N, C-alpha and C. Protein backbone atom coordinates (compact mmCIF):
# COMPACT_ATOMS: atom_id res chain seq x y z
N MET A 1 17.47 13.81 -24.86
CA MET A 1 16.44 13.72 -24.38
C MET A 1 15.68 15.61 -24.20
N LYS A 2 14.57 14.98 -23.88
CA LYS A 2 14.05 16.38 -23.88
C LYS A 2 14.86 17.14 -22.13
N PRO A 3 14.42 18.31 -21.90
CA PRO A 3 14.83 18.43 -20.11
C PRO A 3 13.34 18.66 -19.93
N ASP A 4 13.68 18.46 -18.38
CA ASP A 4 12.22 18.77 -17.54
C ASP A 4 10.81 17.53 -17.77
N ILE A 5 11.45 16.65 -18.38
CA ILE A 5 10.02 15.66 -19.11
C ILE A 5 9.78 14.68 -17.98
N HIS A 6 11.06 14.39 -17.33
CA HIS A 6 10.85 13.22 -16.32
C HIS A 6 10.62 13.32 -14.66
N PRO A 7 10.33 12.60 -14.57
CA PRO A 7 9.39 13.03 -12.99
C PRO A 7 10.81 12.99 -12.19
N ASN A 8 10.54 13.18 -10.82
CA ASN A 8 11.84 13.39 -10.03
C ASN A 8 11.18 12.37 -8.83
N TYR A 9 12.22 10.70 -8.61
CA TYR A 9 12.39 9.75 -8.22
C TYR A 9 12.83 10.35 -6.80
N ARG A 10 12.05 9.77 -5.93
CA ARG A 10 12.82 10.01 -4.35
C ARG A 10 12.39 8.78 -3.61
N GLN A 11 12.91 8.48 -2.42
CA GLN A 11 13.17 7.65 -1.38
C GLN A 11 11.65 7.65 -0.82
N VAL A 12 10.42 6.28 -0.70
CA VAL A 12 9.10 6.45 -0.27
C VAL A 12 9.43 5.33 0.85
N VAL A 13 7.97 5.47 1.68
CA VAL A 13 8.09 3.76 2.40
C VAL A 13 6.67 3.13 1.96
N PHE A 14 6.34 2.22 1.68
CA PHE A 14 5.20 1.74 1.22
C PHE A 14 4.93 1.10 2.25
N GLN A 15 3.43 1.30 2.70
CA GLN A 15 3.16 0.15 4.33
C GLN A 15 2.01 -0.46 3.88
N ASP A 16 2.15 -1.98 4.07
CA ASP A 16 0.67 -2.43 3.66
C ASP A 16 -0.05 -2.88 5.08
N LEU A 17 -0.87 -2.35 5.23
CA LEU A 17 -2.08 -2.20 6.10
C LEU A 17 -2.69 -3.31 6.62
N SER A 18 -2.73 -4.67 6.03
CA SER A 18 -3.13 -5.40 6.04
C SER A 18 -2.35 -6.82 6.71
N SER A 19 -0.77 -6.27 6.57
CA SER A 19 0.26 -7.26 7.39
C SER A 19 0.85 -6.12 8.75
N ASP A 20 0.92 -4.52 8.09
CA ASP A 20 2.04 -4.38 8.67
C ASP A 20 3.55 -4.53 8.12
N PHE A 21 3.48 -4.53 7.12
CA PHE A 21 4.68 -4.18 6.49
C PHE A 21 5.15 -3.13 5.79
N ALA A 22 6.20 -2.84 6.35
CA ALA A 22 6.93 -1.96 5.40
C ALA A 22 8.06 -2.16 4.56
N PHE A 23 8.05 -1.03 3.48
CA PHE A 23 9.67 -0.99 2.45
C PHE A 23 10.28 0.52 2.24
N LEU A 24 10.93 0.18 1.94
CA LEU A 24 11.73 1.70 1.35
C LEU A 24 11.80 1.08 0.46
N THR A 25 11.24 2.15 -1.12
CA THR A 25 12.00 1.89 -2.37
C THR A 25 12.13 3.59 -2.77
N ARG A 26 12.31 3.39 -4.18
CA ARG A 26 12.05 5.03 -4.62
C ARG A 26 11.05 5.00 -5.61
N SER A 27 10.21 6.25 -5.81
CA SER A 27 8.70 6.72 -6.38
C SER A 27 8.80 7.99 -6.59
N THR A 28 7.53 8.17 -7.46
CA THR A 28 7.30 9.10 -7.78
C THR A 28 6.29 10.25 -7.49
N ILE A 29 5.05 9.00 -6.46
CA ILE A 29 3.94 9.32 -5.76
C ILE A 29 4.65 10.61 -4.76
N ALA A 30 3.50 11.15 -4.27
CA ALA A 30 3.85 12.32 -3.40
C ALA A 30 2.66 11.83 -2.54
N SER A 31 2.56 12.29 -0.88
CA SER A 31 2.05 11.61 0.08
C SER A 31 2.08 13.02 0.89
N LYS A 32 1.49 13.19 1.34
CA LYS A 32 0.99 14.15 2.85
C LYS A 32 1.60 13.54 3.81
N GLU A 33 1.61 12.52 4.32
CA GLU A 33 2.35 11.62 5.31
C GLU A 33 3.56 11.65 5.15
N SER A 34 3.79 11.08 7.20
CA SER A 34 5.71 11.02 6.53
C SER A 34 6.25 10.00 7.75
N ILE A 35 6.82 9.07 7.73
CA ILE A 35 7.24 7.84 8.71
C ILE A 35 8.91 8.20 9.15
N LYS A 36 9.20 7.47 9.82
CA LYS A 36 10.79 8.15 10.77
C LYS A 36 10.63 6.50 10.16
N TRP A 37 11.77 6.48 9.26
CA TRP A 37 12.42 4.94 9.15
C TRP A 37 13.51 4.08 10.00
N GLU A 38 13.99 2.95 9.61
CA GLU A 38 14.98 2.71 10.76
C GLU A 38 16.32 3.34 10.46
N ASP A 39 16.67 4.47 9.40
CA ASP A 39 17.78 4.82 9.56
C ASP A 39 17.96 6.04 10.00
N GLY A 40 16.64 6.29 10.79
CA GLY A 40 16.80 7.53 11.39
C GLY A 40 16.14 8.95 10.78
N ASN A 41 15.97 8.73 9.16
CA ASN A 41 15.25 9.95 8.35
C ASN A 41 13.86 9.51 8.28
N GLU A 42 13.57 10.68 7.99
CA GLU A 42 11.91 10.67 7.48
C GLU A 42 11.79 10.70 5.99
N TYR A 43 10.71 9.93 5.52
CA TYR A 43 10.16 9.93 4.27
C TYR A 43 8.54 9.42 4.38
N PRO A 44 8.47 9.65 3.16
CA PRO A 44 7.16 10.07 2.68
C PRO A 44 6.42 8.66 3.24
N LEU A 45 5.10 8.75 3.44
CA LEU A 45 4.72 7.00 3.71
C LEU A 45 3.29 7.01 2.36
N ILE A 46 3.11 5.99 1.75
CA ILE A 46 1.91 5.77 0.93
C ILE A 46 1.49 4.19 1.40
N LYS A 47 0.25 4.32 2.26
CA LYS A 47 -0.55 3.31 3.08
C LYS A 47 -1.23 2.59 1.34
N VAL A 48 -0.79 0.97 1.46
CA VAL A 48 -2.14 0.20 0.26
C VAL A 48 -2.37 -1.01 1.13
N ASP A 49 -3.51 -1.15 0.93
CA ASP A 49 -4.08 -2.67 0.93
C ASP A 49 -3.58 -3.78 0.78
N ILE A 50 -2.55 -3.83 -0.40
CA ILE A 50 -2.20 -5.73 -0.60
C ILE A 50 -0.75 -5.40 -0.77
N SER A 51 -0.11 -5.84 -0.73
CA SER A 51 1.73 -5.89 -0.89
C SER A 51 2.02 -7.17 -1.50
N SER A 52 3.15 -7.66 -1.83
CA SER A 52 3.79 -8.96 -2.02
C SER A 52 4.13 -9.95 -1.10
N HIS A 53 3.90 -8.99 0.53
CA HIS A 53 4.01 -9.41 1.94
C HIS A 53 2.48 -9.99 2.12
N SER A 54 1.64 -9.82 1.68
CA SER A 54 0.20 -10.19 1.75
C SER A 54 -0.60 -10.66 0.69
N HIS A 55 -0.28 -10.74 -0.59
CA HIS A 55 -0.86 -11.05 -1.02
C HIS A 55 -0.94 -12.96 -1.66
N PRO A 56 -2.03 -13.24 -1.58
CA PRO A 56 -2.34 -15.36 -1.66
C PRO A 56 -0.89 -15.51 -3.20
N PHE A 57 -1.41 -14.79 -4.03
CA PHE A 57 0.41 -15.59 -5.08
C PHE A 57 1.19 -15.52 -4.37
N TYR A 58 1.78 -14.88 -4.06
CA TYR A 58 3.13 -14.93 -3.25
C TYR A 58 3.49 -15.40 -1.43
N THR A 59 2.43 -15.26 -1.11
CA THR A 59 2.52 -16.05 0.04
C THR A 59 1.89 -17.49 0.35
N GLY A 60 0.84 -17.71 -0.82
CA GLY A 60 0.30 -19.17 -1.10
C GLY A 60 -0.16 -19.62 0.16
N LYS A 61 -1.06 -18.37 1.02
CA LYS A 61 -2.31 -18.54 1.75
C LYS A 61 -3.48 -17.73 1.38
N GLN A 62 -4.50 -18.38 1.26
CA GLN A 62 -5.75 -17.62 1.02
C GLN A 62 -5.67 -16.42 2.39
N LYS A 63 -6.34 -15.07 2.21
CA LYS A 63 -6.09 -14.58 3.26
C LYS A 63 -7.52 -13.54 2.87
N VAL A 64 -8.55 -13.01 3.21
CA VAL A 64 -9.54 -12.15 3.08
C VAL A 64 -8.88 -11.10 3.71
N VAL A 65 -9.09 -9.92 3.11
CA VAL A 65 -8.71 -8.87 3.43
C VAL A 65 -9.86 -8.34 3.07
N ASP A 66 -11.11 -7.37 3.62
CA ASP A 66 -12.13 -6.63 4.34
C ASP A 66 -12.11 -4.95 4.33
N ALA A 67 -11.83 -4.37 3.18
CA ALA A 67 -11.37 -2.87 3.27
C ALA A 67 -12.54 -1.94 2.99
N GLY A 68 -13.71 -1.69 4.43
CA GLY A 68 -14.17 -0.86 4.56
C GLY A 68 -15.69 -1.40 4.55
N GLY A 69 -15.62 -2.98 4.85
CA GLY A 69 -16.95 -3.70 5.00
C GLY A 69 -17.19 -3.52 3.43
N ARG A 70 -16.97 -3.68 2.69
CA ARG A 70 -17.55 -3.89 0.93
C ARG A 70 -18.10 -5.24 1.41
N VAL A 71 -17.52 -6.45 2.04
CA VAL A 71 -17.63 -8.13 1.42
C VAL A 71 -19.23 -8.03 2.57
N ASP A 72 -19.18 -7.10 3.49
CA ASP A 72 -20.74 -7.16 4.35
C ASP A 72 -21.74 -7.09 3.77
N LYS A 73 -21.31 -5.59 3.36
CA LYS A 73 -22.09 -4.70 2.38
C LYS A 73 -22.90 -5.50 1.14
N PHE A 74 -21.61 -6.25 0.49
CA PHE A 74 -22.50 -7.33 -0.63
C PHE A 74 -23.63 -8.35 0.02
N ARG A 75 -22.98 -9.03 1.05
CA ARG A 75 -23.64 -10.12 1.34
C ARG A 75 -25.12 -9.85 1.79
N ARG A 76 -25.26 -8.70 2.53
CA ARG A 76 -26.61 -7.60 2.97
C ARG A 76 -27.36 -7.54 1.94
N ARG A 77 -27.15 -6.51 1.03
CA ARG A 77 -27.40 -6.55 -0.65
C ARG A 77 -27.93 -7.91 -1.11
N TYR A 78 -27.61 -8.40 -1.07
CA TYR A 78 -28.19 -9.97 -1.75
C TYR A 78 -28.46 -11.23 -1.14
N ALA A 79 -28.56 -10.67 0.26
CA ALA A 79 -29.27 -11.86 0.67
C ALA A 79 -30.33 -12.13 0.80
N GLN A 80 -31.33 -10.72 0.82
CA GLN A 80 -32.47 -10.98 0.49
C GLN A 80 -33.29 -10.94 -0.60
N LYS A 81 -32.59 -11.54 -1.44
CA LYS A 81 -33.22 -11.55 -2.72
C LYS A 81 -32.98 -13.60 -3.00
């Protein structure tokens, strides 16, 4: 294999903003934020809107997640017509 073409994997914390669930895994994603994890170490933090902890396919429950008022904006725009 060619040297220096593969990304560097490191420990990263992904945090689900809709359910306040977080998990530690390896990733190549860069982040400017960091968080102190349960083991006392500090890791880069990646915030996501939906994860397996809040997605209806995995939970079996329908849950409306409104990121930034998009649903309300859509309803206001098409309610007049």
